[in-house]
Amino acid sequence: MITFDTWIFNIRDSLEKLSDLDFQLQAWVKGTKFSGGWYEEVSTLYDSHCFEEFLSKHKDSDKLPNEAYLKLLEFHNHMDDYDGKENDADIVNDPVWKKITLIGKEAIAIMDKFNIKGKLD
């Protein structure tokens, strides 16, 4: 069973990549940083790191303050509504995607406020 610290560490790692337009430009468009692109990063967050299950399990958790939970849920809801684009370059330049990245940055800032960084066990 995965610990909260490992789970949040993994989710935060994915969230940081999905919230960093510079990383996305370098990795997804220019290929100067390693990444499989938007689809792979989203799949990692949802499939490998079980983001939806994390939200469900930690809705009323003592380990995840409500403010952080609500911002992560907002990020999830926007991701759920986002259909992507034909290619990663179009995603990086999409105003809707840019809004989602800002929500992700807000979630990271809230986690920082509560010192929620996680660690690998």
N, C-alpha and C. Protein backbone atom coordinates (compact mmCIF):
# COMPACT_ATOMS: atom_id res chain seq x y z
N MET A 1 0.84 -1.18 0.00
CA MET A 1 0.00 0.00 0.00
C MET A 1 0.89 1.25 0.00
N ILE A 2 0.52 2.21 -0.80
CA ILE A 2 1.31 3.43 -0.93
C ILE A 2 1.03 4.36 0.24
N THR A 3 2.08 5.00 0.75
CA THR A 3 1.91 5.95 1.84
C THR A 3 1.46 7.30 1.30
N PHE A 4 0.89 8.11 2.16
CA PHE A 4 0.48 9.46 1.76
C PHE A 4 1.67 10.24 1.22
N ASP A 5 2.82 10.16 1.91
CA ASP A 5 4.00 10.92 1.48
C ASP A 5 4.45 10.55 0.08
N THR A 6 4.46 9.27 -0.23
CA THR A 6 4.87 8.84 -1.57
C THR A 6 3.82 9.26 -2.60
N TRP A 7 2.56 9.09 -2.25
CA TRP A 7 1.47 9.44 -3.17
C TRP A 7 1.50 10.91 -3.52
N ILE A 8 1.60 11.77 -2.51
CA ILE A 8 1.59 13.21 -2.77
C ILE A 8 2.87 13.64 -3.48
N PHE A 9 3.99 12.99 -3.19
CA PHE A 9 5.24 13.28 -3.89
C PHE A 9 5.06 13.02 -5.39
N ASN A 10 4.49 11.89 -5.74
CA ASN A 10 4.30 11.54 -7.14
C ASN A 10 3.30 12.46 -7.83
N ILE A 11 2.21 12.76 -7.14
CA ILE A 11 1.20 13.66 -7.71
C ILE A 11 1.79 15.05 -7.90
N ARG A 12 2.51 15.51 -6.92
CA ARG A 12 3.12 16.83 -7.03
C ARG A 12 4.11 16.89 -8.19
N ASP A 13 4.89 15.83 -8.38
CA ASP A 13 5.83 15.79 -9.50
C ASP A 13 5.09 15.94 -10.83
N SER A 14 4.01 15.21 -10.99
CA SER A 14 3.22 15.33 -12.22
C SER A 14 2.59 16.71 -12.34
N LEU A 15 2.06 17.21 -11.24
CA LEU A 15 1.42 18.52 -11.24
C LEU A 15 2.41 19.61 -11.63
N GLU A 16 3.63 19.51 -11.14
CA GLU A 16 4.65 20.50 -11.49
C GLU A 16 4.92 20.50 -12.99
N LYS A 17 4.97 19.35 -13.61
CA LYS A 17 5.20 19.27 -15.06
C LYS A 17 3.99 19.78 -15.83
N LEU A 18 2.81 19.48 -15.34
CA LEU A 18 1.60 19.91 -16.04
C LEU A 18 1.26 21.38 -15.78
N SER A 19 2.01 22.03 -14.91
CA SER A 19 1.75 23.43 -14.59
C SER A 19 2.86 24.36 -15.07
N ASP A 20 3.88 23.81 -15.69
CA ASP A 20 5.06 24.59 -16.07
C ASP A 20 5.13 24.72 -17.60
N LEU A 21 4.67 25.86 -18.11
CA LEU A 21 4.64 26.06 -19.56
C LEU A 21 6.05 26.07 -20.16
N ASP A 22 7.04 26.56 -19.43
CA ASP A 22 8.41 26.54 -19.95
C ASP A 22 8.90 25.10 -20.11
N PHE A 23 8.67 24.28 -19.08
CA PHE A 23 9.03 22.86 -19.19
C PHE A 23 8.33 22.24 -20.39
N GLN A 24 7.04 22.52 -20.54
CA GLN A 24 6.26 21.93 -21.63
C GLN A 24 6.79 22.35 -23.00
N LEU A 25 7.14 23.62 -23.13
CA LEU A 25 7.71 24.09 -24.39
C LEU A 25 9.02 23.38 -24.69
N GLN A 26 9.88 23.30 -23.66
CA GLN A 26 11.18 22.65 -23.85
C GLN A 26 11.05 21.15 -24.10
N ALA A 27 10.17 20.49 -23.36
CA ALA A 27 10.06 19.03 -23.44
C ALA A 27 9.12 18.57 -24.55
N TRP A 28 7.94 19.14 -24.61
CA TRP A 28 6.93 18.65 -25.53
C TRP A 28 7.10 19.17 -26.95
N VAL A 29 7.61 20.40 -27.06
CA VAL A 29 7.69 21.02 -28.38
C VAL A 29 9.11 20.96 -28.94
N LYS A 30 10.08 21.41 -28.15
CA LYS A 30 11.46 21.47 -28.65
C LYS A 30 12.23 20.17 -28.45
N GLY A 31 11.80 19.36 -27.51
CA GLY A 31 12.47 18.09 -27.27
C GLY A 31 13.81 18.20 -26.57
N THR A 32 14.04 19.32 -25.87
CA THR A 32 15.32 19.51 -25.17
C THR A 32 15.30 18.99 -23.74
N LYS A 33 14.14 18.61 -23.25
CA LYS A 33 13.99 17.96 -21.95
C LYS A 33 13.19 16.68 -22.16
N PHE A 34 13.41 15.71 -21.29
CA PHE A 34 12.75 14.42 -21.46
C PHE A 34 11.30 14.46 -21.01
N SER A 35 10.42 14.05 -21.89
CA SER A 35 9.00 13.86 -21.59
C SER A 35 8.36 13.22 -22.81
N GLY A 36 7.37 12.41 -22.57
CA GLY A 36 6.64 11.79 -23.66
C GLY A 36 5.54 12.68 -24.21
N GLY A 37 5.38 13.85 -23.64
CA GLY A 37 4.37 14.79 -24.12
C GLY A 37 3.16 14.86 -23.20
N TRP A 38 2.20 15.66 -23.64
CA TRP A 38 1.01 15.95 -22.83
C TRP A 38 0.28 14.67 -22.46
N TYR A 39 0.01 13.84 -23.43
CA TYR A 39 -0.77 12.63 -23.16
C TYR A 39 -0.07 11.75 -22.12
N GLU A 40 1.23 11.58 -22.25
CA GLU A 40 1.96 10.74 -21.29
C GLU A 40 1.94 11.35 -19.89
N GLU A 41 2.11 12.66 -19.80
CA GLU A 41 2.12 13.31 -18.48
C GLU A 41 0.75 13.20 -17.81
N VAL A 42 -0.30 13.36 -18.58
CA VAL A 42 -1.66 13.23 -18.03
C VAL A 42 -1.91 11.77 -17.63
N SER A 43 -1.48 10.85 -18.45
CA SER A 43 -1.64 9.43 -18.12
C SER A 43 -0.87 9.06 -16.86
N THR A 44 0.30 9.63 -16.69
CA THR A 44 1.08 9.37 -15.48
C THR A 44 0.33 9.85 -14.25
N LEU A 45 -0.22 11.07 -14.31
CA LEU A 45 -0.96 11.62 -13.17
C LEU A 45 -2.18 10.76 -12.84
N TYR A 46 -2.95 10.41 -13.85
CA TYR A 46 -4.21 9.72 -13.59
C TYR A 46 -4.08 8.21 -13.48
N ASP A 47 -3.27 7.61 -14.33
CA ASP A 47 -3.18 6.15 -14.35
C ASP A 47 -2.10 5.63 -13.39
N SER A 48 -0.90 6.17 -13.49
CA SER A 48 0.19 5.69 -12.64
C SER A 48 0.06 6.18 -11.20
N HIS A 49 -0.34 7.45 -11.04
CA HIS A 49 -0.41 8.03 -9.70
C HIS A 49 -1.82 8.06 -9.13
N CYS A 50 -2.78 7.55 -9.87
CA CYS A 50 -4.16 7.38 -9.38
C CYS A 50 -4.72 8.65 -8.75
N PHE A 51 -4.65 9.75 -9.49
CA PHE A 51 -5.05 11.06 -8.98
C PHE A 51 -6.49 11.10 -8.51
N GLU A 52 -7.40 10.52 -9.29
CA GLU A 52 -8.81 10.52 -8.88
C GLU A 52 -9.01 9.75 -7.57
N GLU A 53 -8.35 8.61 -7.46
CA GLU A 53 -8.46 7.82 -6.23
C GLU A 53 -7.89 8.60 -5.04
N PHE A 54 -6.77 9.30 -5.27
CA PHE A 54 -6.17 10.11 -4.22
C PHE A 54 -7.17 11.15 -3.73
N LEU A 55 -7.81 11.85 -4.66
CA LEU A 55 -8.79 12.87 -4.28
C LEU A 55 -9.95 12.26 -3.50
N SER A 56 -10.42 11.13 -3.97
CA SER A 56 -11.53 10.47 -3.29
C SER A 56 -11.14 10.03 -1.87
N LYS A 57 -9.96 9.47 -1.75
CA LYS A 57 -9.52 8.94 -0.47
C LYS A 57 -9.16 10.04 0.55
N HIS A 58 -8.71 11.17 0.05
CA HIS A 58 -8.22 12.22 0.95
C HIS A 58 -9.13 13.44 1.02
N LYS A 59 -10.39 13.26 0.64
CA LYS A 59 -11.34 14.38 0.67
C LYS A 59 -11.44 14.98 2.07
N ASP A 60 -11.54 14.17 3.07
CA ASP A 60 -11.67 14.64 4.45
C ASP A 60 -10.49 14.17 5.30
N SER A 61 -9.33 14.10 4.69
CA SER A 61 -8.15 13.59 5.37
C SER A 61 -7.50 14.66 6.25
N ASP A 62 -6.96 14.23 7.38
CA ASP A 62 -6.19 15.12 8.24
C ASP A 62 -4.87 15.51 7.59
N LYS A 63 -4.41 14.69 6.64
CA LYS A 63 -3.11 14.93 6.01
C LYS A 63 -3.18 15.95 4.88
N LEU A 64 -4.36 16.18 4.33
CA LEU A 64 -4.53 17.11 3.22
C LEU A 64 -5.52 18.19 3.62
N PRO A 65 -5.03 19.40 3.89
CA PRO A 65 -5.93 20.49 4.27
C PRO A 65 -7.00 20.72 3.20
N ASN A 66 -8.17 21.13 3.63
CA ASN A 66 -9.29 21.33 2.72
C ASN A 66 -8.96 22.31 1.60
N GLU A 67 -8.21 23.35 1.92
CA GLU A 67 -7.83 24.34 0.90
C GLU A 67 -7.03 23.67 -0.23
N ALA A 68 -6.11 22.80 0.14
CA ALA A 68 -5.32 22.08 -0.87
C ALA A 68 -6.20 21.11 -1.63
N TYR A 69 -7.05 20.39 -0.92
CA TYR A 69 -7.96 19.45 -1.57
C TYR A 69 -8.83 20.16 -2.60
N LEU A 70 -9.42 21.29 -2.23
CA LEU A 70 -10.31 22.01 -3.14
C LEU A 70 -9.60 22.49 -4.38
N LYS A 71 -8.35 22.95 -4.24
CA LYS A 71 -7.61 23.42 -5.41
C LYS A 71 -7.21 22.25 -6.30
N LEU A 72 -6.82 21.13 -5.70
CA LEU A 72 -6.52 19.93 -6.49
C LEU A 72 -7.77 19.44 -7.22
N LEU A 73 -8.91 19.50 -6.55
CA LEU A 73 -10.18 19.11 -7.17
C LEU A 73 -10.51 20.04 -8.34
N GLU A 74 -10.27 21.33 -8.16
CA GLU A 74 -10.50 22.29 -9.25
C GLU A 74 -9.62 21.95 -10.45
N PHE A 75 -8.35 21.65 -10.18
CA PHE A 75 -7.44 21.26 -11.25
C PHE A 75 -7.98 20.01 -11.96
N HIS A 76 -8.36 19.02 -11.17
CA HIS A 76 -8.92 17.78 -11.74
C HIS A 76 -10.14 18.07 -12.61
N ASN A 77 -11.04 18.89 -12.12
CA ASN A 77 -12.27 19.18 -12.87
C ASN A 77 -11.96 19.85 -14.21
N HIS A 78 -11.01 20.77 -14.21
CA HIS A 78 -10.63 21.42 -15.46
C HIS A 78 -9.93 20.44 -16.40
N MET A 79 -9.10 19.57 -15.84
CA MET A 79 -8.44 18.55 -16.66
C MET A 79 -9.48 17.60 -17.26
N ASP A 80 -10.47 17.27 -16.47
CA ASP A 80 -11.52 16.36 -16.92
C ASP A 80 -12.30 16.95 -18.11
N ASP A 81 -12.46 18.27 -18.10
CA ASP A 81 -13.20 18.95 -19.17
C ASP A 81 -12.34 19.24 -20.40
N TYR A 82 -11.02 19.17 -20.25
CA TYR A 82 -10.11 19.55 -21.34
C TYR A 82 -9.94 18.40 -22.32
N ASP A 83 -10.13 18.69 -23.59
CA ASP A 83 -10.04 17.66 -24.62
C ASP A 83 -8.68 17.60 -25.30
N GLY A 84 -7.80 18.51 -24.97
CA GLY A 84 -6.50 18.52 -25.62
C GLY A 84 -6.59 19.14 -27.00
N LYS A 85 -5.53 18.99 -27.76
CA LYS A 85 -5.44 19.51 -29.13
C LYS A 85 -4.79 18.45 -29.99
N GLU A 86 -4.59 18.77 -31.25
CA GLU A 86 -4.01 17.80 -32.18
C GLU A 86 -2.56 17.48 -31.87
N ASN A 87 -1.84 18.46 -31.31
CA ASN A 87 -0.44 18.20 -30.99
C ASN A 87 -0.03 19.00 -29.76
N ASP A 88 1.12 18.67 -29.22
CA ASP A 88 1.57 19.29 -27.98
C ASP A 88 1.85 20.78 -28.13
N ALA A 89 2.32 21.20 -29.29
CA ALA A 89 2.57 22.63 -29.52
C ALA A 89 1.27 23.42 -29.42
N ASP A 90 0.19 22.87 -29.97
CA ASP A 90 -1.11 23.55 -29.89
C ASP A 90 -1.60 23.61 -28.44
N ILE A 91 -1.33 22.56 -27.68
CA ILE A 91 -1.73 22.55 -26.27
C ILE A 91 -1.00 23.65 -25.51
N VAL A 92 0.30 23.74 -25.68
CA VAL A 92 1.11 24.74 -24.96
C VAL A 92 0.63 26.15 -25.27
N ASN A 93 0.11 26.37 -26.46
CA ASN A 93 -0.35 27.71 -26.86
C ASN A 93 -1.84 27.94 -26.65
N ASP A 94 -2.54 26.96 -26.15
CA ASP A 94 -3.99 27.05 -25.96
C ASP A 94 -4.32 27.87 -24.72
N PRO A 95 -5.12 28.94 -24.85
CA PRO A 95 -5.49 29.75 -23.69
C PRO A 95 -6.20 28.95 -22.58
N VAL A 96 -6.99 27.97 -22.96
CA VAL A 96 -7.67 27.14 -21.96
C VAL A 96 -6.63 26.33 -21.18
N TRP A 97 -5.65 25.79 -21.88
CA TRP A 97 -4.59 25.03 -21.21
C TRP A 97 -3.78 25.95 -20.28
N LYS A 98 -3.51 27.15 -20.73
CA LYS A 98 -2.75 28.09 -19.90
C LYS A 98 -3.49 28.37 -18.59
N LYS A 99 -4.81 28.45 -18.66
CA LYS A 99 -5.60 28.65 -17.44
C LYS A 99 -5.46 27.44 -16.51
N ILE A 100 -5.48 26.24 -17.08
CA ILE A 100 -5.33 25.03 -16.27
C ILE A 100 -3.96 25.01 -15.60
N THR A 101 -2.92 25.44 -16.32
CA THR A 101 -1.58 25.46 -15.71
C THR A 101 -1.54 26.43 -14.53
N LEU A 102 -2.26 27.53 -14.63
CA LEU A 102 -2.31 28.49 -13.51
C LEU A 102 -2.98 27.87 -12.29
N ILE A 103 -4.03 27.12 -12.50
CA ILE A 103 -4.71 26.43 -11.39
C ILE A 103 -3.75 25.43 -10.76
N GLY A 104 -2.97 24.73 -11.57
CA GLY A 104 -1.96 23.82 -11.05
C GLY A 104 -0.92 24.53 -10.22
N LYS A 105 -0.48 25.69 -10.69
CA LYS A 105 0.50 26.48 -9.92
C LYS A 105 -0.10 26.92 -8.58
N GLU A 106 -1.37 27.29 -8.60
CA GLU A 106 -2.05 27.67 -7.36
C GLU A 106 -2.10 26.49 -6.39
N ALA A 107 -2.36 25.30 -6.92
CA ALA A 107 -2.39 24.10 -6.07
C ALA A 107 -1.01 23.86 -5.44
N ILE A 108 0.04 24.01 -6.22
CA ILE A 108 1.40 23.83 -5.71
C ILE A 108 1.70 24.87 -4.64
N ALA A 109 1.29 26.12 -4.86
CA ALA A 109 1.52 27.18 -3.88
C ALA A 109 0.80 26.86 -2.57
N ILE A 110 -0.40 26.34 -2.65
CA ILE A 110 -1.15 25.97 -1.43
C ILE A 110 -0.44 24.81 -0.73
N MET A 111 0.01 23.84 -1.49
CA MET A 111 0.75 22.73 -0.87
C MET A 111 2.02 23.25 -0.20
N ASP A 112 2.69 24.22 -0.83
CA ASP A 112 3.88 24.82 -0.21
C ASP A 112 3.52 25.53 1.10
N LYS A 113 2.39 26.24 1.08
CA LYS A 113 1.93 26.96 2.26
C LYS A 113 1.78 26.01 3.46
N PHE A 114 1.32 24.80 3.20
CA PHE A 114 1.13 23.81 4.26
C PHE A 114 2.28 22.81 4.34
N ASN A 115 3.36 23.11 3.62
CA ASN A 115 4.56 22.26 3.60
C ASN A 115 4.23 20.81 3.22
N ILE A 116 3.42 20.67 2.20
CA ILE A 116 3.05 19.36 1.69
C ILE A 116 3.91 19.06 0.47
N LYS A 117 4.97 18.32 0.69
CA LYS A 117 5.90 18.02 -0.39
C LYS A 117 5.97 16.52 -0.65
N GLY A 118 5.74 15.74 0.37
CA GLY A 118 5.84 14.30 0.24
C GLY A 118 7.29 13.86 0.14
N LYS A 119 7.47 12.57 0.09
CA LYS A 119 8.81 11.99 -0.07
C LYS A 119 8.65 10.56 -0.53
N LEU A 120 9.69 10.07 -1.16
CA LEU A 120 9.69 8.67 -1.57
C LEU A 120 10.12 7.83 -0.39
N ASP A 121 9.37 6.79 -0.12
CA ASP A 121 9.69 5.90 1.00
C ASP A 121 10.76 4.91 0.61
